[in-house]
Amino acid sequence: MVFSHDLREFILRARVLKLYRQDELRHMMREEMEKNRKCNDRQKIRFLLSEGIERLKRLDEMLDMQGH
């Protein structure tokens, strides 16, 4: 059946895109951490951690709304 074949392709494509986005996110997070590697200011470190956590939450919410 053509419809089920198209649906399978759609689902596979969505899974590939999700995996790609996860990898891209890891890469972006790593770059941010490397950029601030030498930071010794505890207040700034706490800020960066909370900022990163909030960004992850927003991204998760956005992906949930998109059905990923």
N, C-alpha and C. Protein backbone atom coordinates (compact mmCIF):
# COMPACT_ATOMS: atom_id res chain seq x y z
N MET A 1 0.84 -1.17 0.00
CA MET A 1 0.00 0.00 0.00
C MET A 1 0.89 1.25 0.00
N VAL A 2 0.62 2.18 -0.87
CA VAL A 2 1.43 3.39 -1.02
C VAL A 2 1.38 4.26 0.23
N PHE A 3 0.20 4.38 0.81
CA PHE A 3 0.04 5.23 1.99
C PHE A 3 0.92 4.76 3.14
N SER A 4 0.93 3.47 3.42
CA SER A 4 1.73 2.97 4.54
C SER A 4 3.22 3.13 4.25
N HIS A 5 3.59 3.00 2.98
CA HIS A 5 4.99 3.19 2.60
C HIS A 5 5.39 4.65 2.84
N ASP A 6 4.55 5.59 2.43
CA ASP A 6 4.82 7.01 2.65
C ASP A 6 4.87 7.34 4.14
N LEU A 7 3.98 6.74 4.90
CA LEU A 7 3.94 6.97 6.34
C LEU A 7 5.22 6.46 6.99
N ARG A 8 5.68 5.28 6.59
CA ARG A 8 6.93 4.74 7.13
C ARG A 8 8.10 5.66 6.80
N GLU A 9 8.14 6.16 5.57
CA GLU A 9 9.22 7.08 5.19
C GLU A 9 9.16 8.36 6.03
N PHE A 10 7.96 8.86 6.24
CA PHE A 10 7.78 10.07 7.04
C PHE A 10 8.28 9.86 8.47
N ILE A 11 7.92 8.73 9.06
CA ILE A 11 8.33 8.41 10.43
C ILE A 11 9.84 8.25 10.51
N LEU A 12 10.42 7.55 9.55
CA LEU A 12 11.87 7.38 9.54
C LEU A 12 12.58 8.72 9.40
N ARG A 13 12.07 9.57 8.53
CA ARG A 13 12.67 10.89 8.34
C ARG A 13 12.61 11.70 9.63
N ALA A 14 11.47 11.64 10.32
CA ALA A 14 11.32 12.37 11.58
C ALA A 14 12.31 11.86 12.61
N ARG A 15 12.53 10.56 12.66
CA ARG A 15 13.49 9.99 13.61
C ARG A 15 14.91 10.42 13.29
N VAL A 16 15.24 10.45 12.02
CA VAL A 16 16.58 10.89 11.60
C VAL A 16 16.79 12.36 11.97
N LEU A 17 15.79 13.19 11.70
CA LEU A 17 15.89 14.61 12.03
C LEU A 17 16.05 14.83 13.53
N LYS A 18 15.32 14.06 14.33
CA LYS A 18 15.43 14.17 15.78
C LYS A 18 16.84 13.82 16.24
N LEU A 19 17.39 12.75 15.69
CA LEU A 19 18.74 12.34 16.04
C LEU A 19 19.75 13.40 15.62
N TYR A 20 19.55 13.97 14.45
CA TYR A 20 20.43 15.02 13.95
C TYR A 20 20.38 16.24 14.87
N ARG A 21 19.19 16.62 15.29
CA ARG A 21 19.04 17.78 16.18
C ARG A 21 19.69 17.52 17.54
N GLN A 22 19.58 16.29 18.02
CA GLN A 22 20.22 15.96 19.30
C GLN A 22 21.73 16.10 19.18
N ASP A 23 22.28 15.62 18.07
CA ASP A 23 23.72 15.72 17.85
C ASP A 23 24.14 17.18 17.72
N GLU A 24 23.33 17.94 17.00
CA GLU A 24 23.62 19.37 16.82
C GLU A 24 23.58 20.09 18.17
N LEU A 25 22.62 19.73 19.01
CA LEU A 25 22.50 20.34 20.33
C LEU A 25 23.72 20.01 21.18
N ARG A 26 24.14 18.75 21.16
CA ARG A 26 25.34 18.36 21.91
C ARG A 26 26.55 19.18 21.47
N HIS A 27 26.67 19.36 20.16
CA HIS A 27 27.79 20.12 19.62
C HIS A 27 27.73 21.58 20.09
N MET A 28 26.56 22.18 20.05
CA MET A 28 26.41 23.57 20.49
C MET A 28 26.72 23.71 21.98
N MET A 29 26.23 22.76 22.78
CA MET A 29 26.48 22.81 24.22
C MET A 29 27.98 22.67 24.50
N ARG A 30 28.62 21.78 23.77
CA ARG A 30 30.06 21.58 23.96
C ARG A 30 30.83 22.85 23.62
N GLU A 31 30.44 23.52 22.53
CA GLU A 31 31.11 24.77 22.15
C GLU A 31 30.96 25.82 23.24
N GLU A 32 29.76 25.93 23.81
CA GLU A 32 29.53 26.90 24.89
C GLU A 32 30.41 26.58 26.10
N MET A 33 30.50 25.31 26.43
CA MET A 33 31.31 24.91 27.58
C MET A 33 32.79 25.19 27.33
N GLU A 34 33.24 24.88 26.13
CA GLU A 34 34.64 25.13 25.79
C GLU A 34 34.95 26.62 25.82
N LYS A 35 34.01 27.43 25.36
CA LYS A 35 34.20 28.88 25.33
C LYS A 35 34.39 29.43 26.75
N ASN A 36 33.74 28.80 27.71
CA ASN A 36 33.80 29.28 29.10
C ASN A 36 34.64 28.38 30.00
N ARG A 37 35.46 27.56 29.41
CA ARG A 37 36.26 26.58 30.15
C ARG A 37 37.10 27.21 31.26
N LYS A 38 37.68 28.35 31.01
CA LYS A 38 38.62 28.95 31.97
C LYS A 38 37.95 29.89 32.96
N CYS A 39 36.64 29.92 32.94
CA CYS A 39 35.91 30.79 33.86
C CYS A 39 36.05 30.25 35.29
N ASN A 40 36.47 31.13 36.21
CA ASN A 40 36.62 30.75 37.62
C ASN A 40 35.63 31.48 38.52
N ASP A 41 34.82 32.32 37.93
CA ASP A 41 33.84 33.10 38.68
C ASP A 41 32.63 32.21 38.99
N ARG A 42 32.47 31.88 40.27
CA ARG A 42 31.40 30.95 40.66
C ARG A 42 30.01 31.47 40.30
N GLN A 43 29.82 32.76 40.45
CA GLN A 43 28.51 33.34 40.12
C GLN A 43 28.23 33.19 38.62
N LYS A 44 29.23 33.45 37.80
CA LYS A 44 29.05 33.31 36.36
C LYS A 44 28.81 31.84 35.99
N ILE A 45 29.53 30.93 36.64
CA ILE A 45 29.36 29.50 36.37
C ILE A 45 27.93 29.07 36.71
N ARG A 46 27.43 29.52 37.87
CA ARG A 46 26.05 29.20 38.25
C ARG A 46 25.06 29.76 37.24
N PHE A 47 25.32 31.00 36.79
CA PHE A 47 24.46 31.62 35.79
C PHE A 47 24.48 30.80 34.49
N LEU A 48 25.67 30.43 34.04
CA LEU A 48 25.78 29.67 32.79
C LEU A 48 25.07 28.32 32.90
N LEU A 49 25.20 27.67 34.05
CA LEU A 49 24.51 26.39 34.25
C LEU A 49 23.00 26.55 34.20
N SER A 50 22.49 27.55 34.92
CA SER A 50 21.03 27.74 34.92
C SER A 50 20.54 28.16 33.54
N GLU A 51 21.33 28.97 32.83
CA GLU A 51 20.97 29.37 31.47
C GLU A 51 20.92 28.15 30.55
N GLY A 52 21.90 27.27 30.66
CA GLY A 52 21.92 26.06 29.85
C GLY A 52 20.73 25.15 30.13
N ILE A 53 20.39 25.00 31.40
CA ILE A 53 19.25 24.17 31.78
C ILE A 53 17.96 24.75 31.21
N GLU A 54 17.79 26.06 31.32
CA GLU A 54 16.59 26.70 30.78
C GLU A 54 16.51 26.55 29.26
N ARG A 55 17.63 26.69 28.58
CA ARG A 55 17.64 26.53 27.12
C ARG A 55 17.24 25.11 26.74
N LEU A 56 17.73 24.12 27.49
CA LEU A 56 17.35 22.73 27.22
C LEU A 56 15.86 22.51 27.44
N LYS A 57 15.32 23.08 28.50
CA LYS A 57 13.88 22.94 28.77
C LYS A 57 13.05 23.53 27.64
N ARG A 58 13.44 24.75 27.20
CA ARG A 58 12.70 25.39 26.11
C ARG A 58 12.78 24.57 24.83
N LEU A 59 13.96 24.02 24.56
CA LEU A 59 14.12 23.20 23.36
C LEU A 59 13.26 21.95 23.45
N ASP A 60 13.26 21.30 24.61
CA ASP A 60 12.42 20.11 24.80
C ASP A 60 10.95 20.44 24.58
N GLU A 61 10.51 21.57 25.14
CA GLU A 61 9.11 21.98 24.97
C GLU A 61 8.80 22.24 23.51
N MET A 62 9.71 22.90 22.82
CA MET A 62 9.50 23.20 21.41
C MET A 62 9.41 21.92 20.58
N LEU A 63 10.30 20.97 20.86
CA LEU A 63 10.29 19.71 20.12
C LEU A 63 9.03 18.91 20.43
N ASP A 64 8.56 18.96 21.69
CA ASP A 64 7.32 18.27 22.04
C ASP A 64 6.14 18.85 21.28
N MET A 65 6.12 20.18 21.13
CA MET A 65 5.02 20.82 20.39
C MET A 65 5.05 20.43 18.92
N GLN A 66 6.25 20.15 18.40
CA GLN A 66 6.37 19.77 17.00
C GLN A 66 6.12 18.28 16.80
N GLY A 67 5.97 17.54 17.90
CA GLY A 67 5.68 16.11 17.79
C GLY A 67 6.90 15.24 17.64
N HIS A 68 8.05 15.72 18.06
CA HIS A 68 9.29 14.94 17.94
C HIS A 68 9.59 14.24 19.23
